[in-house]
Full PDB file with SEQRES, HELIX, SHEET, SSBOND, CRYST1, ORIGX, SCALE, CONECT and MASTER records, all heavy atoms in Angstrom:
SEQRES   1 A   31  LEU GLU LYS PRO THR SER GLY GLN ILE LEU TYR ASP GLY          
SEQRES   2 A   31  LYS GLU VAL THR PHE ALA SER PRO LEU ASP SER ILE ALA          
SEQRES   3 A   31  ILE GLY ILE GLY MET                                          
HELIX    1 AA1 PRO A   21  ILE A   27  1                                   7    
SHEET    1 AA1 2 ILE A   9  TYR A  11  0                                        
SHEET    2 AA1 2 LYS A  14  VAL A  16 -1                                        
CRYST1    1.000    1.000    1.000  90.00  90.00  90.00 P 1           1          
ORIGX1      1.000000  0.000000  0.000000        0.00000                         
ORIGX2      0.000000  1.000000  0.000000        0.00000                         
ORIGX3      0.000000  0.000000  1.000000        0.00000                         
SCALE1      1.000000  0.000000  0.000000        0.00000                         
SCALE2      0.000000  1.000000  0.000000        0.00000                         
SCALE3      0.000000  0.000000  1.000000        0.00000                         
ATOM      1  N   LEU A   1       0.822  -1.209   0.000  1.00  0.00           N  
ATOM      2  CA  LEU A   1       0.000   0.000   0.000  1.00  0.00           C  
ATOM      3  C   LEU A   1       0.857   1.260   0.000  1.00  0.00           C  
ATOM      4  O   LEU A   1       0.390   2.336  -0.381  1.00  0.00           O  
ATOM      5  CB  LEU A   1      -0.928   0.014   1.227  1.00  0.00           C  
ATOM      6  CG  LEU A   1      -2.087  -0.978   1.193  1.00  0.00           C  
ATOM      7  CD1 LEU A   1      -2.729  -1.089   2.566  1.00  0.00           C  
ATOM      8  CD2 LEU A   1      -3.121  -0.563   0.157  1.00  0.00           C  
ATOM      9  N   GLU A   2       2.092   1.144   0.467  1.00  0.00           N  
ATOM     10  CA  GLU A   2       3.057   2.255   0.474  1.00  0.00           C  
ATOM     11  C   GLU A   2       4.369   1.759  -0.117  1.00  0.00           C  
ATOM     12  O   GLU A   2       4.705   0.580  -0.013  1.00  0.00           O  
ATOM     13  CB  GLU A   2       3.300   2.759   1.908  1.00  0.00           C  
ATOM     14  CG  GLU A   2       2.090   3.346   2.599  1.00  0.00           C  
ATOM     15  CD  GLU A   2       1.929   4.835   2.354  1.00  0.00           C  
ATOM     16  OE1 GLU A   2       2.667   5.372   1.494  1.00  0.00           O  
ATOM     17  OE2 GLU A   2       1.082   5.442   3.013  1.00  0.00           O  
ATOM     18  N   LYS A   3       5.118   2.691  -0.696  1.00  0.00           N  
ATOM     19  CA  LYS A   3       6.448   2.354  -1.191  1.00  0.00           C  
ATOM     20  C   LYS A   3       7.495   2.929  -0.239  1.00  0.00           C  
ATOM     21  O   LYS A   3       7.387   4.095   0.168  1.00  0.00           O  
ATOM     22  CB  LYS A   3       6.658   2.922  -2.599  1.00  0.00           C  
ATOM     23  CG  LYS A   3       5.821   2.243  -3.660  1.00  0.00           C  
ATOM     24  CD  LYS A   3       6.152   2.782  -5.045  1.00  0.00           C  
ATOM     25  CE  LYS A   3       5.339   2.052  -6.109  1.00  0.00           C  
ATOM     26  NZ  LYS A   3       5.631   2.551  -7.478  1.00  0.00           N  
ATOM     27  N   PRO A   4       8.494   2.142   0.151  1.00  0.00           N  
ATOM     28  CA  PRO A   4       9.521   2.676   1.041  1.00  0.00           C  
ATOM     29  C   PRO A   4      10.373   3.716   0.324  1.00  0.00           C  
ATOM     30  O   PRO A   4      10.577   3.642  -0.893  1.00  0.00           O  
ATOM     31  CB  PRO A   4      10.343   1.429   1.398  1.00  0.00           C  
ATOM     32  CG  PRO A   4      10.146   0.502   0.246  1.00  0.00           C  
ATOM     33  CD  PRO A   4       8.755   0.747  -0.250  1.00  0.00           C  
ATOM     34  N   THR A   5      10.858   4.687   1.098  1.00  0.00           N  
ATOM     35  CA  THR A   5      11.777   5.678   0.533  1.00  0.00           C  
ATOM     36  C   THR A   5      13.117   5.031   0.227  1.00  0.00           C  
ATOM     37  O   THR A   5      13.765   5.338  -0.778  1.00  0.00           O  
ATOM     38  CB  THR A   5      11.959   6.851   1.515  1.00  0.00           C  
ATOM     39  OG1 THR A   5      10.668   7.389   1.833  1.00  0.00           O  
ATOM     40  CG2 THR A   5      12.823   7.948   0.913  1.00  0.00           C  
ATOM     41  N   SER A   6      13.519   4.115   1.105  1.00  0.00           N  
ATOM     42  CA  SER A   6      14.753   3.360   0.889  1.00  0.00           C  
ATOM     43  C   SER A   6      14.667   2.047   1.650  1.00  0.00           C  
ATOM     44  O   SER A   6      13.792   1.855   2.490  1.00  0.00           O  
ATOM     45  CB  SER A   6      15.976   4.170   1.343  1.00  0.00           C  
ATOM     46  OG  SER A   6      15.901   4.449   2.732  1.00  0.00           O  
ATOM     47  N   GLY A   7      15.604   1.142   1.350  1.00  0.00           N  
ATOM     48  CA  GLY A   7      15.635  -0.142   2.033  1.00  0.00           C  
ATOM     49  C   GLY A   7      15.208  -1.284   1.130  1.00  0.00           C  
ATOM     50  O   GLY A   7      14.790  -1.083  -0.018  1.00  0.00           O  
ATOM     51  N   GLN A   8      15.291  -2.495   1.658  1.00  0.00           N  
ATOM     52  CA  GLN A   8      14.988  -3.694   0.882  1.00  0.00           C  
ATOM     53  C   GLN A   8      13.953  -4.567   1.593  1.00  0.00           C  
ATOM     54  O   GLN A   8      13.914  -4.632   2.821  1.00  0.00           O  
ATOM     55  CB  GLN A   8      16.253  -4.539   0.700  1.00  0.00           C  
ATOM     56  CG  GLN A   8      17.351  -3.922  -0.137  1.00  0.00           C  
ATOM     57  CD  GLN A   8      18.564  -4.838  -0.165  1.00  0.00           C  
ATOM     58  OE1 GLN A   8      19.215  -5.052   0.862  1.00  0.00           O  
ATOM     59  NE2 GLN A   8      18.876  -5.408  -1.331  1.00  0.00           N  
ATOM     60  N   ILE A   9      13.147  -5.250   0.778  1.00  0.00           N  
ATOM     61  CA  ILE A   9      12.244  -6.291   1.275  1.00  0.00           C  
ATOM     62  C   ILE A   9      12.675  -7.602   0.626  1.00  0.00           C  
ATOM     63  O   ILE A   9      12.769  -7.692  -0.606  1.00  0.00           O  
ATOM     64  CB  ILE A   9      10.780  -5.995   0.923  1.00  0.00           C  
ATOM     65  CG1 ILE A   9      10.334  -4.645   1.487  1.00  0.00           C  
ATOM     66  CG2 ILE A   9       9.864  -7.103   1.454  1.00  0.00           C  
ATOM     67  CD1 ILE A   9       8.934  -4.231   1.054  1.00  0.00           C  
ATOM     68  N   LEU A  10      12.960  -8.594   1.457  1.00  0.00           N  
ATOM     69  CA  LEU A  10      13.347  -9.907   0.953  1.00  0.00           C  
ATOM     70  C   LEU A  10      12.271 -10.915   1.317  1.00  0.00           C  
ATOM     71  O   LEU A  10      11.834 -10.984   2.468  1.00  0.00           O  
ATOM     72  CB  LEU A  10      14.684 -10.343   1.559  1.00  0.00           C  
ATOM     73  CG  LEU A  10      15.879  -9.413   1.329  1.00  0.00           C  
ATOM     74  CD1 LEU A  10      17.095  -9.932   2.075  1.00  0.00           C  
ATOM     75  CD2 LEU A  10      16.180  -9.276  -0.151  1.00  0.00           C  
ATOM     76  N   TYR A  11      11.803 -11.684   0.319  1.00  0.00           N  
ATOM     77  CA  TYR A  11      10.810 -12.725   0.561  1.00  0.00           C  
ATOM     78  C   TYR A  11      11.367 -14.045   0.058  1.00  0.00           C  
ATOM     79  O   TYR A  11      11.714 -14.167  -1.124  1.00  0.00           O  
ATOM     80  CB  TYR A  11       9.484 -12.398  -0.137  1.00  0.00           C  
ATOM     81  CG  TYR A  11       8.392 -13.400   0.161  1.00  0.00           C  
ATOM     82  CD1 TYR A  11       7.632 -13.287   1.326  1.00  0.00           C  
ATOM     83  CD2 TYR A  11       8.146 -14.470  -0.693  1.00  0.00           C  
ATOM     84  CE1 TYR A  11       6.641 -14.214   1.624  1.00  0.00           C  
ATOM     85  CE2 TYR A  11       7.161 -15.401  -0.404  1.00  0.00           C  
ATOM     86  CZ  TYR A  11       6.418 -15.267   0.757  1.00  0.00           C  
ATOM     87  OH  TYR A  11       5.447 -16.192   1.055  1.00  0.00           O  
ATOM     88  N   ASP A  12      11.458 -14.995   0.966  1.00  0.00           N  
ATOM     89  CA  ASP A  12      11.981 -16.320   0.620  1.00  0.00           C  
ATOM     90  C   ASP A  12      13.349 -16.220  -0.058  1.00  0.00           C  
ATOM     91  O   ASP A  12      13.660 -16.946  -0.999  1.00  0.00           O  
ATOM     92  CB  ASP A  12      10.992 -17.037  -0.293  1.00  0.00           C  
ATOM     93  CG  ASP A  12      11.045 -18.565  -0.123  1.00  0.00           C  
ATOM     94  OD1 ASP A  12      11.655 -19.019   0.865  1.00  0.00           O  
ATOM     95  OD2 ASP A  12      10.494 -19.268  -0.970  1.00  0.00           O  
ATOM     96  N   GLY A  13      14.152 -15.273   0.446  1.00  0.00           N  
ATOM     97  CA  GLY A  13      15.531 -15.138  -0.030  1.00  0.00           C  
ATOM     98  C   GLY A  13      15.733 -14.220  -1.203  1.00  0.00           C  
ATOM     99  O   GLY A  13      16.874 -13.960  -1.595  1.00  0.00           O  
ATOM    100  N   LYS A  14      14.652 -13.708  -1.796  1.00  0.00           N  
ATOM    101  CA  LYS A  14      14.799 -12.873  -2.982  1.00  0.00           C  
ATOM    102  C   LYS A  14      14.245 -11.472  -2.716  1.00  0.00           C  
ATOM    103  O   LYS A  14      13.214 -11.318  -2.060  1.00  0.00           O  
ATOM    104  CB  LYS A  14      14.055 -13.499  -4.163  1.00  0.00           C  
ATOM    105  CG  LYS A  14      14.585 -14.869  -4.563  1.00  0.00           C  
ATOM    106  CD  LYS A  14      13.737 -15.475  -5.666  1.00  0.00           C  
ATOM    107  CE  LYS A  14      14.217 -16.884  -6.015  1.00  0.00           C  
ATOM    108  NZ  LYS A  14      13.368 -17.519  -7.061  1.00  0.00           N  
ATOM    109  N   GLU A  15      14.923 -10.456  -3.244  1.00  0.00           N  
ATOM    110  CA  GLU A  15      14.446  -9.085  -3.089  1.00  0.00           C  
ATOM    111  C   GLU A  15      13.182  -8.891  -3.922  1.00  0.00           C  
ATOM    112  O   GLU A  15      13.100  -9.332  -5.071  1.00  0.00           O  
ATOM    113  CB  GLU A  15      15.512  -8.075  -3.515  1.00  0.00           C  
ATOM    114  CG  GLU A  15      15.081  -6.636  -3.268  1.00  0.00           C  
ATOM    115  CD  GLU A  15      16.192  -5.622  -3.518  1.00  0.00           C  
ATOM    116  OE1 GLU A  15      17.327  -6.033  -3.823  1.00  0.00           O  
ATOM    117  OE2 GLU A  15      15.898  -4.418  -3.392  1.00  0.00           O  
ATOM    118  N   VAL A  16      12.185  -8.236  -3.329  1.00  0.00           N  
ATOM    119  CA  VAL A  16      10.920  -7.999  -4.020  1.00  0.00           C  
ATOM    120  C   VAL A  16      10.532  -6.527  -3.899  1.00  0.00           C  
ATOM    121  O   VAL A  16      10.944  -5.829  -2.961  1.00  0.00           O  
ATOM    122  CB  VAL A  16       9.783  -8.875  -3.443  1.00  0.00           C  
ATOM    123  CG1 VAL A  16      10.011 -10.340  -3.751  1.00  0.00           C  
ATOM    124  CG2 VAL A  16       9.632  -8.659  -1.933  1.00  0.00           C  
ATOM    125  N   THR A  17       9.751  -6.060  -4.855  1.00  0.00           N  
ATOM    126  CA  THR A  17       9.153  -4.720  -4.797  1.00  0.00           C  
ATOM    127  C   THR A  17       7.673  -4.859  -5.115  1.00  0.00           C  
ATOM    128  O   THR A  17       7.268  -5.733  -5.896  1.00  0.00           O  
ATOM    129  CB  THR A  17       9.810  -3.749  -5.801  1.00  0.00           C  
ATOM    130  OG1 THR A  17       9.694  -4.292  -7.117  1.00  0.00           O  
ATOM    131  CG2 THR A  17      11.277  -3.521  -5.459  1.00  0.00           C  
ATOM    132  N   PHE A  18       6.863  -3.995  -4.512  1.00  0.00           N  
ATOM    133  CA  PHE A  18       5.416  -4.077  -4.684  1.00  0.00           C  
ATOM    134  C   PHE A  18       4.882  -2.772  -5.255  1.00  0.00           C  
ATOM    135  O   PHE A  18       5.093  -1.702  -4.671  1.00  0.00           O  
ATOM    136  CB  PHE A  18       4.718  -4.349  -3.349  1.00  0.00           C  
ATOM    137  CG  PHE A  18       5.208  -5.590  -2.646  1.00  0.00           C  
ATOM    138  CD1 PHE A  18       5.501  -5.568  -1.281  1.00  0.00           C  
ATOM    139  CD2 PHE A  18       5.386  -6.779  -3.337  1.00  0.00           C  
ATOM    140  CE1 PHE A  18       5.952  -6.701  -0.625  1.00  0.00           C  
ATOM    141  CE2 PHE A  18       5.836  -7.928  -2.688  1.00  0.00           C  
ATOM    142  CZ  PHE A  18       6.121  -7.882  -1.337  1.00  0.00           C  
ATOM    143  N   ALA A  19       4.182  -2.872  -6.376  1.00  0.00           N  
ATOM    144  CA  ALA A  19       3.514  -1.696  -6.936  1.00  0.00           C  
ATOM    145  C   ALA A  19       2.136  -1.510  -6.313  1.00  0.00           C  
ATOM    146  O   ALA A  19       1.596  -0.406  -6.279  1.00  0.00           O  
ATOM    147  CB  ALA A  19       3.387  -1.831  -8.454  1.00  0.00           C  
ATOM    148  N   SER A  20       1.559  -2.613  -5.801  1.00  0.00           N  
ATOM    149  CA  SER A  20       0.230  -2.578  -5.184  1.00  0.00           C  
ATOM    150  C   SER A  20       0.055  -3.841  -4.345  1.00  0.00           C  
ATOM    151  O   SER A  20       0.877  -4.762  -4.424  1.00  0.00           O  
ATOM    152  CB  SER A  20      -0.853  -2.519  -6.254  1.00  0.00           C  
ATOM    153  OG  SER A  20      -1.021  -3.790  -6.857  1.00  0.00           O  
ATOM    154  N   PRO A  21      -1.032  -3.924  -3.553  1.00  0.00           N  
ATOM    155  CA  PRO A  21      -1.290  -5.148  -2.788  1.00  0.00           C  
ATOM    156  C   PRO A  21      -1.425  -6.400  -3.654  1.00  0.00           C  
ATOM    157  O   PRO A  21      -1.179  -7.507  -3.175  1.00  0.00           O  
ATOM    158  CB  PRO A  21      -2.599  -4.828  -2.061  1.00  0.00           C  
ATOM    159  CG  PRO A  21      -2.594  -3.351  -1.899  1.00  0.00           C  
ATOM    160  CD  PRO A  21      -1.956  -2.834  -3.153  1.00  0.00           C  
ATOM    161  N   LEU A  22      -1.803  -6.225  -4.902  1.00  0.00           N  
ATOM    162  CA  LEU A  22      -1.916  -7.390  -5.784  1.00  0.00           C  
ATOM    163  C   LEU A  22      -0.576  -8.100  -5.925  1.00  0.00           C  
ATOM    164  O   LEU A  22      -0.514  -9.333  -6.014  1.00  0.00           O  
ATOM    165  CB  LEU A  22      -2.422  -6.955  -7.168  1.00  0.00           C  
ATOM    166  CG  LEU A  22      -3.877  -6.473  -7.247  1.00  0.00           C  
ATOM    167  CD1 LEU A  22      -4.201  -5.991  -8.648  1.00  0.00           C  
ATOM    168  CD2 LEU A  22      -4.841  -7.566  -6.813  1.00  0.00           C  
ATOM    169  N   ASP A  23       0.521  -7.318  -5.916  1.00  0.00           N  
ATOM    170  CA  ASP A  23       1.862  -7.911  -6.022  1.00  0.00           C  
ATOM    171  C   ASP A  23       2.222  -8.689  -4.767  1.00  0.00           C  
ATOM    172  O   ASP A  23       2.811  -9.772  -4.838  1.00  0.00           O  
ATOM    173  CB  ASP A  23       2.909  -6.814  -6.270  1.00  0.00           C  
ATOM    174  CG  ASP A  23       2.749  -6.154  -7.625  1.00  0.00           C  
ATOM    175  OD1 ASP A  23       2.153  -6.788  -8.519  1.00  0.00           O  
ATOM    176  OD2 ASP A  23       3.203  -5.007  -7.793  1.00  0.00           O  
ATOM    177  N   SER A  24       1.883  -8.126  -3.596  1.00  0.00           N  
ATOM    178  CA  SER A  24       2.211  -8.814  -2.339  1.00  0.00           C  
ATOM    179  C   SER A  24       1.370 -10.087  -2.189  1.00  0.00           C  
ATOM    180  O   SER A  24       1.871 -11.134  -1.756  1.00  0.00           O  
ATOM    181  CB  SER A  24       2.003  -7.884  -1.137  1.00  0.00           C  
ATOM    182  OG  SER A  24       0.657  -7.496  -1.018  1.00  0.00           O  
ATOM    183  N   ILE A  25       0.097 -10.010  -2.560  1.00  0.00           N  
ATOM    184  CA  ILE A  25      -0.765 -11.198  -2.492  1.00  0.00           C  
ATOM    185  C   ILE A  25      -0.260 -12.281  -3.433  1.00  0.00           C  
ATOM    186  O   ILE A  25      -0.278 -13.477  -3.112  1.00  0.00           O  
ATOM    187  CB  ILE A  25      -2.231 -10.810  -2.825  1.00  0.00           C  
ATOM    188  CG1 ILE A  25      -2.823  -9.936  -1.701  1.00  0.00           C  
ATOM    189  CG2 ILE A  25      -3.090 -12.054  -3.016  1.00  0.00           C  
ATOM    190  CD1 ILE A  25      -4.160  -9.312  -2.043  1.00  0.00           C  
ATOM    191  N   ALA A  26       0.221 -11.853  -4.586  1.00  0.00           N  
ATOM    192  CA  ALA A  26       0.672 -12.811  -5.603  1.00  0.00           C  
ATOM    193  C   ALA A  26       1.835 -13.671  -5.121  1.00  0.00           C  
ATOM    194  O   ALA A  26       1.956 -14.835  -5.513  1.00  0.00           O  
ATOM    195  CB  ALA A  26       1.066 -12.066  -6.872  1.00  0.00           C  
ATOM    196  N   ILE A  27       2.695 -13.115  -4.241  1.00  0.00           N  
ATOM    197  CA  ILE A  27       3.837 -13.910  -3.769  1.00  0.00           C  
ATOM    198  C   ILE A  27       3.562 -14.600  -2.438  1.00  0.00           C  
ATOM    199  O   ILE A  27       4.374 -15.402  -1.970  1.00  0.00           O  
ATOM    200  CB  ILE A  27       5.127 -13.066  -3.660  1.00  0.00           C  
ATOM    201  CG1 ILE A  27       5.028 -12.050  -2.520  1.00  0.00           C  
ATOM    202  CG2 ILE A  27       5.462 -12.392  -4.975  1.00  0.00           C  
ATOM    203  CD1 ILE A  27       6.354 -11.437  -2.158  1.00  0.00           C  
ATOM    204  N   GLY A  28       2.401 -14.268  -1.795  1.00  0.00           N  
ATOM    205  CA  GLY A  28       2.047 -14.988  -0.577  1.00  0.00           C  
ATOM    206  C   GLY A  28       1.910 -14.165   0.683  1.00  0.00           C  
ATOM    207  O   GLY A  28       1.942 -14.700   1.786  1.00  0.00           O  
ATOM    208  N   ILE A  29       1.743 -12.841   0.564  1.00  0.00           N  
ATOM    209  CA  ILE A  29       1.556 -11.975   1.736  1.00  0.00           C  
ATOM    210  C   ILE A  29       0.139 -11.411   1.706  1.00  0.00           C  
ATOM    211  O   ILE A  29      -0.271 -10.799   0.713  1.00  0.00           O  
ATOM    212  CB  ILE A  29       2.573 -10.818   1.755  1.00  0.00           C  
ATOM    213  CG1 ILE A  29       4.005 -11.352   1.801  1.00  0.00           C  
ATOM    214  CG2 ILE A  29       2.318  -9.901   2.955  1.00  0.00           C  
ATOM    215  CD1 ILE A  29       5.073 -10.280   1.662  1.00  0.00           C  
ATOM    216  N   GLY A  30      -0.615 -11.616   2.777  1.00  0.00           N  
ATOM    217  CA  GLY A  30      -1.984 -11.105   2.859  1.00  0.00           C  
ATOM    218  C   GLY A  30      -2.210 -10.341   4.145  1.00  0.00           C  
ATOM    219  O   GLY A  30      -1.476 -10.514   5.115  1.00  0.00           O  
ATOM    220  N   MET A  31      -3.225  -9.484   4.147  1.00  0.00           N  
ATOM    221  CA  MET A  31      -3.489  -8.654   5.327  1.00  0.00           C  
ATOM    222  C   MET A  31      -4.979  -8.616   5.638  1.00  0.00           C  
ATOM    223  O   MET A  31      -5.807  -8.410   4.746  1.00  0.00           O  
ATOM    224  CB  MET A  31      -2.968  -7.231   5.100  1.00  0.00           C  
ATOM    225  CG  MET A  31      -3.115  -6.310   6.294  1.00  0.00           C  
ATOM    226  SD  MET A  31      -2.211  -4.761   6.029  1.00  0.00           S  
ATOM    227  CE  MET A  31      -2.554  -3.911   7.588  1.00  0.00           C  
TER     228      MET A  31                                                      
MASTER        0    0    0    1    2    0    0    6  227    1    0    3          
END                                                                             
């Protein structure tokens, strides 16, 4: 829902970026 100003998000060992919640849901993160 927000984009970080800086920093990294790693999921299952790989760096990921999210343009929207659809991207996070697609890899396995839900809220």
